[in-house]
Amino acid sequence: MNYSRFLTATSAARRPSAVRVLTEILNRGPKSLISLAPGSPNPNTFPFKTASITIEDGKTIQFGEEMMKRALQYSQSAGIPELLSWLTQFQVRLHNPPTVQYPPSRGQMDVCVTCGSQEGLSKVFEMLINPGDNILLSEPAYSGTLQALHPLSCNIISVSSDENGIIPKSLQEKLSQWKPEDSQNPMKKTPKFLYTVPNGNNPTGVSLTSDRKQEIYKLARQYDFLIIEDDPYYFLQFNKLLISQLLCQWGEEGFLAHAERVADFYRRQRDAALAAAERWLSGLAEWYVPTAAMFLWIKVKGISDTKKLIEEKAIKKQVLMVPGNVFYVDSSAPSAYFRASFSLASPEQMSVAFQRLAQLIKESL
C-alpha cells in the first residue's frame, strides 16, 4: 500500500537524524569500534549502579552494573533491540500479519516502543493530519484522544456505535457524501483515517465483533482510508526498561499466563460492578455488559444531562465518576451517560457508590 498520500508535508520532509543513524551503527558494531560520534553521556557518571526488582511471584530481576549502565543510556530511536525483537515475534505469533513478509518499500510491519498509547497517538496524528482534513472517529471516544485532536484543526466526523462497537451502516452513511474514486483527488478531502478502540472501548467497554471488523475493513479498502486502532486493553501495559527483562524472564507463555490472571481479576471486578448496578440502579439506568477493559457505560433514565449529577451532587456524596459529555466530540452537548471504573474499588465500595448514586437519581427525577 502506498502511504505517501496520507502524510503531512512536515512528515514527508523528515529525514533520518545523522546522529541517530550513527548511534544505531555503534549499537550494531563490534566492540573494537572506537566511537567519537554520539553525544552519549559517560555511563561511569550514572548515580544508579545496581537494582533488584521483585515481581508478583516472588522472583527477582537483577540489574547488574553493566545492565544498569545500558538501561540508563540512550538507545536506538525505535527502542531497545531485544525488546523490539520480542514484541515483533510476539505480534507474529498472535496475529501473523501478512505485512511481515513484505519488503520495506511495500509497507513491511514495523514496531516502535512509546511511553504509552497517548504518545503513540500524538505521533500518528502529527504525521497524518493537516488543518482541514477529514477524519472518522467512533463515538463516544476517550476524552484524551479528543483533546489531542481538537488543536489540530481537523474535521472530526463521528460514527455511531452500540454494544457491538462501530455500526457499519453509520460508517457507510458518513462515507456516502463521497465516491470511492474521490480518494484519488486531493481536492475532495476524503477521510484520511478511522480512529477506533477495537477491544474494551473507553468509556463503553464494548468490543468490535469479527463480522463488523470485516465490514469496516471492506469500507476502508473501498474508500481508501487508514484504520488507526488504539488497543490499550488487549494486554496489560508495562513501564519501559523493566519490560525487556521481565519478558525475557517470563517468556511468551509466562506473559500469556500473567495476562490471563489479570483478565480473571478484572472479570470478577466487572461482575461485582454489574451486580451492584443491578441491585441499586435497575429501573433507574441501563448499561452494556463490557467485554473488555475496566468500565461500565451507564445511561440514566429520565435525566438528559448527567453533568451536574456526577460533577456536583455525587462528589458531595463522596462518589467520583466521569460525566458522559467529555467522551463526545461536542463536549458541551448534554449527555445522559456516565462512566464508572471498576478497576480499583472493592465490590463493597461499588455497592455503596451505586446505592448513593441511586438515591441522588431518585431525588433528581
Protein backbone atom coordinates (compact mmCIF):
# COMPACT_ATOMS: atom_id res chain seq x y z
CA MET A 1 0.00 0.00 0.00
CA ASN A 2 1.21 3.50 -0.83
CA TYR A 3 1.04 5.54 2.37
CA SER A 4 2.61 8.68 0.91
CA ARG A 5 -0.70 10.41 0.17
CA PHE A 6 -1.69 10.25 3.84
CA LEU A 7 1.43 12.01 5.16
CA THR A 8 1.53 15.69 6.04
CA ALA A 9 4.09 17.88 4.29
CA THR A 10 6.04 18.09 7.54
CA SER A 11 6.23 14.31 7.89
CA ALA A 12 7.13 13.79 4.24
CA ALA A 13 10.01 16.25 4.66
CA ARG A 14 11.57 14.40 7.59
CA ARG A 15 14.94 12.71 7.08
CA PRO A 16 16.85 10.35 9.38
CA SER A 17 18.95 12.11 12.01
CA ALA A 18 22.63 11.66 11.19
CA VAL A 19 23.46 11.37 14.90
CA ARG A 20 20.77 8.72 15.50
CA VAL A 21 21.98 6.74 12.49
CA LEU A 22 25.48 6.74 13.97
CA THR A 23 24.06 5.58 17.30
CA GLU A 24 22.49 2.58 15.59
CA ILE A 25 25.77 1.80 13.81
CA LEU A 26 27.52 1.91 17.19
CA ASN A 27 24.94 -0.44 18.73
CA ARG A 28 25.37 -2.93 15.91
CA GLY A 29 29.13 -2.57 15.52
CA PRO A 30 31.92 -4.71 17.01
CA LYS A 31 33.34 -3.97 20.46
CA SER A 32 36.60 -2.89 18.80
CA LEU A 33 34.80 0.08 17.18
CA ILE A 34 36.10 3.39 18.57
CA SER A 35 33.34 6.00 18.56
CA LEU A 36 33.84 9.73 18.85
CA ALA A 37 30.48 10.47 17.22
CA PRO A 38 27.43 10.38 19.52
CA GLY A 39 26.83 12.77 22.39
CA SER A 40 26.02 9.99 24.81
CA PRO A 41 26.77 10.64 28.50
CA ASN A 42 29.58 8.63 30.07
CA PRO A 43 27.86 5.74 31.94
CA ASN A 44 30.51 5.85 34.69
CA THR A 45 28.87 9.08 35.87
CA PHE A 46 25.43 7.50 36.38
CA PRO A 47 24.43 7.57 40.09
CA PHE A 48 22.42 4.32 40.00
CA LYS A 49 24.67 1.26 39.91
CA THR A 50 22.53 -1.83 40.57
CA ALA A 51 18.90 -2.71 41.28
CA SER A 52 16.76 -5.67 42.27
CA ILE A 53 13.09 -5.74 41.26
CA THR A 54 10.69 -8.20 42.91
CA ILE A 55 7.78 -9.37 40.74
CA GLU A 56 4.46 -10.81 41.87
CA ASP A 57 5.55 -14.46 42.10
CA GLY A 58 8.38 -13.54 44.46
CA LYS A 59 11.13 -13.89 41.87
CA THR A 60 13.53 -11.05 41.26
CA ILE A 61 15.00 -9.32 38.24
CA GLN A 62 18.61 -8.32 38.87
CA PHE A 63 20.14 -5.27 37.22
CA GLY A 64 23.92 -5.59 37.47
CA GLU A 65 26.20 -2.63 36.92
CA GLU A 66 26.64 -3.21 33.18
CA MET A 67 22.92 -3.75 32.64
CA MET A 68 22.14 -0.61 34.64
CA LYS A 69 24.55 1.42 32.51
CA ARG A 70 22.78 0.19 29.40
CA ALA A 71 19.34 0.79 30.86
CA LEU A 72 20.14 4.44 31.62
CA GLN A 73 21.96 5.11 28.33
CA TYR A 74 20.45 6.31 25.06
CA SER A 75 19.20 3.52 22.81
CA GLN A 76 18.13 3.48 19.18
CA SER A 77 15.05 5.57 18.41
CA ALA A 78 12.62 2.69 17.95
CA GLY A 79 13.54 1.08 21.29
CA ILE A 80 15.87 -1.48 22.86
CA PRO A 81 16.71 -4.09 20.16
CA GLU A 82 15.94 -7.13 22.34
CA LEU A 83 12.58 -5.65 23.30
CA LEU A 84 11.73 -4.84 19.70
CA SER A 85 12.65 -8.38 18.64
CA TRP A 86 10.49 -9.90 21.41
CA LEU A 87 7.49 -7.71 20.56
CA THR A 88 7.84 -8.36 16.83
CA GLN A 89 7.93 -12.14 17.27
CA PHE A 90 5.02 -11.93 19.69
CA GLN A 91 2.94 -9.99 17.14
CA VAL A 92 3.79 -12.61 14.54
CA ARG A 93 2.69 -15.40 16.89
CA LEU A 94 -0.58 -13.72 17.90
CA HIS A 95 -1.65 -12.05 14.65
CA ASN A 96 0.72 -13.23 11.89
CA PRO A 97 0.09 -10.13 9.74
CA PRO A 98 0.87 -10.68 6.05
CA THR A 99 2.95 -7.48 6.05
CA VAL A 100 5.68 -9.33 7.98
CA GLN A 101 6.81 -10.81 4.66
CA TYR A 102 6.51 -7.56 2.70
CA PRO A 103 9.61 -5.61 1.66
CA PRO A 104 10.03 -2.21 3.37
CA SER A 105 9.03 -0.44 0.16
CA ARG A 106 5.66 -2.18 0.31
CA GLY A 107 4.86 -1.39 3.93
CA GLN A 108 6.60 -4.09 5.93
CA MET A 109 5.37 -4.40 9.51
CA ASP A 110 7.49 -2.49 11.98
CA VAL A 111 7.43 -1.87 15.72
CA CYS A 112 8.16 1.29 17.72
CA VAL A 113 8.13 1.48 21.52
CA THR A 114 6.47 4.55 23.06
CA CYS A 115 5.68 5.67 26.60
CA GLY A 116 2.05 4.70 26.09
CA SER A 117 -0.82 4.87 23.62
CA GLN A 118 -1.33 8.62 24.14
CA GLU A 119 2.22 9.36 22.97
CA GLY A 120 1.84 6.93 20.09
CA LEU A 121 -1.43 8.54 19.00
CA SER A 122 0.06 12.03 19.18
CA LYS A 123 2.86 10.92 16.87
CA VAL A 124 0.38 9.33 14.44
CA PHE A 125 -1.89 12.39 14.42
CA GLU A 126 1.05 14.73 13.83
CA MET A 127 2.19 12.50 10.97
CA LEU A 128 -1.20 12.35 9.21
CA ILE A 129 -3.34 15.40 9.96
CA ASN A 130 -3.26 18.70 8.09
CA PRO A 131 -5.65 21.52 9.11
CA GLY A 132 -8.96 20.95 7.38
CA ASP A 133 -8.51 17.19 6.93
CA ASN A 134 -11.50 14.94 7.50
CA ILE A 135 -11.15 12.05 9.93
CA LEU A 136 -13.61 9.44 11.20
CA LEU A 137 -13.98 8.61 14.89
CA SER A 138 -16.24 6.13 16.68
CA GLU A 139 -18.21 7.91 19.37
CA PRO A 140 -18.21 8.00 22.37
CA ALA A 141 -14.42 8.16 22.47
CA TYR A 142 -11.70 8.51 25.11
CA SER A 143 -11.54 12.14 26.21
CA GLY A 144 -7.72 12.23 25.96
CA THR A 145 -7.94 11.36 22.27
CA LEU A 146 -10.43 14.16 21.65
CA GLN A 147 -8.18 16.61 23.48
CA ALA A 148 -5.26 15.56 21.26
CA LEU A 149 -7.33 16.01 18.09
CA HIS A 150 -9.10 19.32 18.70
CA PRO A 151 -6.00 21.60 18.47
CA LEU A 152 -5.09 20.09 15.08
CA SER A 153 -7.99 21.89 13.32
CA CYS A 154 -9.27 18.78 11.57
CA ASN A 155 -12.91 17.97 10.87
CA ILE A 156 -13.95 15.13 13.17
CA ILE A 157 -16.77 13.04 11.70
CA SER A 158 -18.35 10.96 14.45
CA VAL A 159 -19.60 7.43 13.73
CA SER A 160 -22.21 5.80 15.95
CA SER A 161 -21.60 2.63 17.94
CA ASP A 162 -23.60 0.22 20.06
CA GLU A 163 -22.94 -2.83 22.24
CA ASN A 164 -21.03 -4.45 19.36
CA GLY A 165 -18.84 -1.46 18.55
CA ILE A 166 -18.92 0.70 15.42
CA ILE A 167 -22.14 0.40 13.42
CA PRO A 168 -21.07 -0.26 9.80
CA LYS A 169 -24.28 1.28 8.47
CA SER A 170 -23.48 4.52 10.27
CA LEU A 171 -19.97 4.48 8.81
CA GLN A 172 -21.39 3.88 5.33
CA GLU A 173 -23.80 6.82 5.75
CA LYS A 174 -20.94 9.14 6.72
CA LEU A 175 -18.93 8.00 3.70
CA SER A 176 -21.83 8.32 1.26
CA GLN A 177 -21.06 12.01 0.64
CA TRP A 178 -18.00 10.85 -1.32
CA LYS A 179 -17.44 8.42 -4.15
CA PRO A 180 -14.73 5.75 -3.81
CA GLU A 181 -12.78 7.29 -6.69
CA ASP A 182 -12.68 10.65 -4.85
CA SER A 183 -9.78 9.33 -2.76
CA GLN A 184 -7.52 9.92 -5.77
CA ASN A 185 -8.47 13.61 -5.88
CA PRO A 186 -6.75 15.69 -3.15
CA MET A 187 -9.38 18.42 -3.57
CA LYS A 188 -12.17 16.07 -2.47
CA LYS A 189 -10.64 15.57 1.00
CA THR A 190 -11.97 12.08 1.61
CA PRO A 191 -11.40 10.91 5.23
CA LYS A 192 -7.79 10.03 5.94
CA PHE A 193 -8.45 7.52 8.67
CA LEU A 194 -10.89 5.94 11.09
CA TYR A 195 -9.87 6.01 14.76
CA THR A 196 -11.29 3.27 16.96
CA VAL A 197 -10.61 1.26 20.12
CA PRO A 198 -11.43 -2.30 18.95
CA ASN A 199 -11.27 -4.03 22.36
CA GLY A 200 -12.79 -2.63 25.52
CA ASN A 201 -13.64 0.82 24.21
CA ASN A 202 -13.19 3.58 26.76
CA PRO A 203 -15.75 4.57 28.06
CA THR A 204 -18.27 1.95 26.90
CA GLY A 205 -16.26 -1.24 27.50
CA VAL A 206 -17.59 -2.80 24.28
CA SER A 207 -15.56 -4.62 21.60
CA LEU A 208 -15.93 -4.86 17.84
CA THR A 209 -17.29 -8.17 16.61
CA SER A 210 -15.40 -10.09 13.94
CA ASP A 211 -18.18 -9.57 11.38
CA ARG A 212 -18.16 -5.84 11.89
CA LYS A 213 -14.38 -5.67 11.62
CA GLN A 214 -14.64 -7.30 8.20
CA GLU A 215 -17.38 -4.89 7.08
CA ILE A 216 -15.34 -1.89 8.24
CA TYR A 217 -12.23 -3.22 6.54
CA LYS A 218 -14.13 -3.55 3.24
CA LEU A 219 -15.23 0.08 3.50
CA ALA A 220 -11.67 1.14 4.28
CA ARG A 221 -10.44 -0.58 1.12
CA GLN A 222 -13.30 0.81 -0.93
CA TYR A 223 -12.79 4.43 0.17
CA ASP A 224 -9.03 4.11 0.71
CA PHE A 225 -8.70 5.30 4.32
CA LEU A 226 -6.47 4.06 7.11
CA ILE A 227 -7.70 2.37 10.29
CA ILE A 228 -5.95 3.60 13.44
CA GLU A 229 -6.52 1.02 16.20
CA ASP A 230 -5.88 2.18 19.75
CA ASP A 231 -5.74 -1.10 21.67
CA PRO A 232 -4.56 -0.45 25.25
CA TYR A 233 -6.69 -3.20 26.75
CA TYR A 234 -5.54 -6.07 24.53
CA PHE A 235 -2.83 -6.75 27.10
CA LEU A 236 -1.77 -5.02 30.27
CA GLN A 237 0.62 -2.16 29.62
CA PHE A 238 4.06 -2.13 31.33
CA ASN A 239 6.65 0.50 32.13
CA LYS A 240 9.65 0.79 29.70
CA LEU A 241 13.25 -0.52 30.74
CA LEU A 242 11.89 -3.12 33.10
CA ILE A 243 9.72 -4.65 30.38
CA SER A 244 12.52 -6.22 28.34
CA GLN A 245 13.99 -8.06 31.34
CA LEU A 246 10.56 -9.13 32.58
CA LEU A 247 9.51 -10.53 29.21
CA CYS A 248 12.80 -12.36 28.77
CA GLN A 249 12.38 -13.98 32.20
CA TRP A 250 8.72 -14.85 31.66
CA GLY A 251 8.84 -15.93 28.02
CA GLU A 252 5.72 -15.87 25.88
CA GLU A 253 3.89 -18.49 27.94
CA GLY A 254 4.65 -16.64 31.15
CA PHE A 255 3.33 -13.40 29.69
CA LEU A 256 0.13 -15.05 28.48
CA ALA A 257 -0.39 -16.69 31.87
CA HIS A 258 0.02 -13.30 33.56
CA ALA A 259 -2.43 -11.71 31.11
CA GLU A 260 -4.97 -14.44 31.89
CA ARG A 261 -4.59 -13.85 35.66
CA VAL A 262 -5.17 -10.14 35.14
CA ALA A 263 -8.19 -10.79 32.90
CA ASP A 264 -9.67 -13.09 35.57
CA PHE A 265 -9.26 -10.34 38.17
CA TYR A 266 -11.00 -7.72 36.03
CA ARG A 267 -13.71 -10.21 35.07
CA ARG A 268 -14.52 -10.64 38.78
CA GLN A 269 -14.44 -6.87 39.24
CA ARG A 270 -16.78 -6.42 36.28
CA ASP A 271 -19.21 -9.00 37.65
CA ALA A 272 -19.20 -7.24 41.01
CA ALA A 273 -19.90 -3.90 39.34
CA LEU A 274 -22.74 -5.43 37.32
CA ALA A 275 -24.21 -6.99 40.46
CA ALA A 276 -24.07 -3.65 42.27
CA ALA A 277 -25.66 -1.86 39.31
CA GLU A 278 -28.38 -4.49 39.07
CA ARG A 279 -29.11 -4.18 42.78
CA TRP A 280 -29.29 -0.38 43.02
CA LEU A 281 -29.77 1.06 39.52
CA SER A 282 -32.35 -1.30 37.99
CA GLY A 283 -35.19 0.80 36.63
CA LEU A 284 -33.14 3.97 37.03
CA ALA A 285 -30.46 3.31 34.42
CA GLU A 286 -29.33 0.94 31.67
CA TRP A 287 -25.93 -0.34 30.58
CA TYR A 288 -23.99 -2.72 28.32
CA VAL A 289 -22.13 -5.71 29.69
CA PRO A 290 -18.49 -4.78 28.93
CA THR A 291 -16.45 -7.37 27.06
CA ALA A 292 -13.05 -5.92 27.97
CA ALA A 293 -11.29 -3.06 29.78
CA MET A 294 -12.43 -1.67 33.14
CA PHE A 295 -15.51 0.50 32.66
CA LEU A 296 -19.31 0.49 32.85
CA TRP A 297 -21.00 2.94 30.47
CA ILE A 298 -24.29 3.78 32.15
CA LYS A 299 -27.28 5.73 30.80
CA VAL A 300 -29.51 7.36 33.41
CA LYS A 301 -33.22 7.25 32.59
CA GLY A 302 -35.20 10.48 32.86
CA ILE A 303 -32.14 12.75 33.09
CA SER A 304 -30.94 14.27 29.82
CA ASP A 305 -27.62 15.56 31.19
CA THR A 306 -25.64 13.89 34.00
CA LYS A 307 -23.00 16.63 34.27
CA LYS A 308 -24.42 18.29 37.41
CA LEU A 309 -25.42 14.95 38.93
CA ILE A 310 -21.92 13.49 38.56
CA GLU A 311 -19.69 16.56 38.93
CA GLU A 312 -21.52 18.21 41.81
CA LYS A 313 -24.09 16.09 43.64
CA ALA A 314 -22.20 12.78 43.51
CA ILE A 315 -18.94 14.36 44.66
CA LYS A 316 -20.74 15.84 47.67
CA LYS A 317 -21.81 12.27 48.49
CA GLN A 318 -18.16 11.19 48.12
CA VAL A 319 -18.69 9.29 44.87
CA LEU A 320 -16.35 10.05 41.97
CA MET A 321 -17.28 9.14 38.39
CA VAL A 322 -16.93 10.76 34.94
CA PRO A 323 -19.85 12.51 33.19
CA GLY A 324 -20.56 11.27 29.68
CA ASN A 325 -20.23 14.58 27.83
CA VAL A 326 -16.40 14.52 27.97
CA PHE A 327 -16.34 11.46 25.70
CA TYR A 328 -18.02 13.20 22.74
CA VAL A 329 -16.65 15.50 20.06
CA ASP A 330 -19.07 18.22 21.20
CA SER A 331 -18.42 18.12 24.92
CA SER A 332 -20.84 20.98 25.53
CA ALA A 333 -23.81 18.90 24.38
CA PRO A 334 -25.88 17.21 27.14
CA SER A 335 -25.31 13.50 27.78
CA ALA A 336 -27.42 11.07 29.78
CA TYR A 337 -24.38 8.79 30.30
CA PHE A 338 -21.59 8.49 32.84
CA ARG A 339 -18.56 6.22 33.13
CA ALA A 340 -17.87 4.10 36.21
CA SER A 341 -14.50 2.37 36.51
CA PHE A 342 -14.33 -0.95 38.38
CA SER A 343 -10.54 -1.29 38.39
CA LEU A 344 -9.71 -0.11 41.93
CA ALA A 345 -12.84 -0.18 44.07
CA SER A 346 -13.80 -3.25 46.09
CA PRO A 347 -17.18 -4.93 45.50
CA GLU A 348 -18.39 -3.42 48.78
CA GLN A 349 -17.30 0.06 47.73
CA MET A 350 -19.01 -0.27 44.34
CA SER A 351 -22.23 -1.31 46.03
CA VAL A 352 -22.14 1.68 48.38
CA ALA A 353 -21.30 4.05 45.49
CA PHE A 354 -24.22 2.87 43.36
CA GLN A 355 -26.54 2.97 46.37
CA ARG A 356 -25.63 6.63 46.95
CA LEU A 357 -25.96 7.37 43.25
CA ALA A 358 -29.38 5.70 43.09
CA GLN A 359 -30.61 7.96 45.86
CA LEU A 360 -29.34 11.04 44.05
CA ILE A 361 -31.04 9.95 40.80
CA LYS A 362 -34.36 9.48 42.60
CA GLU A 363 -34.03 12.92 44.18
CA SER A 364 -33.32 14.47 40.76
CA LEU A 365 -36.28 12.93 38.93
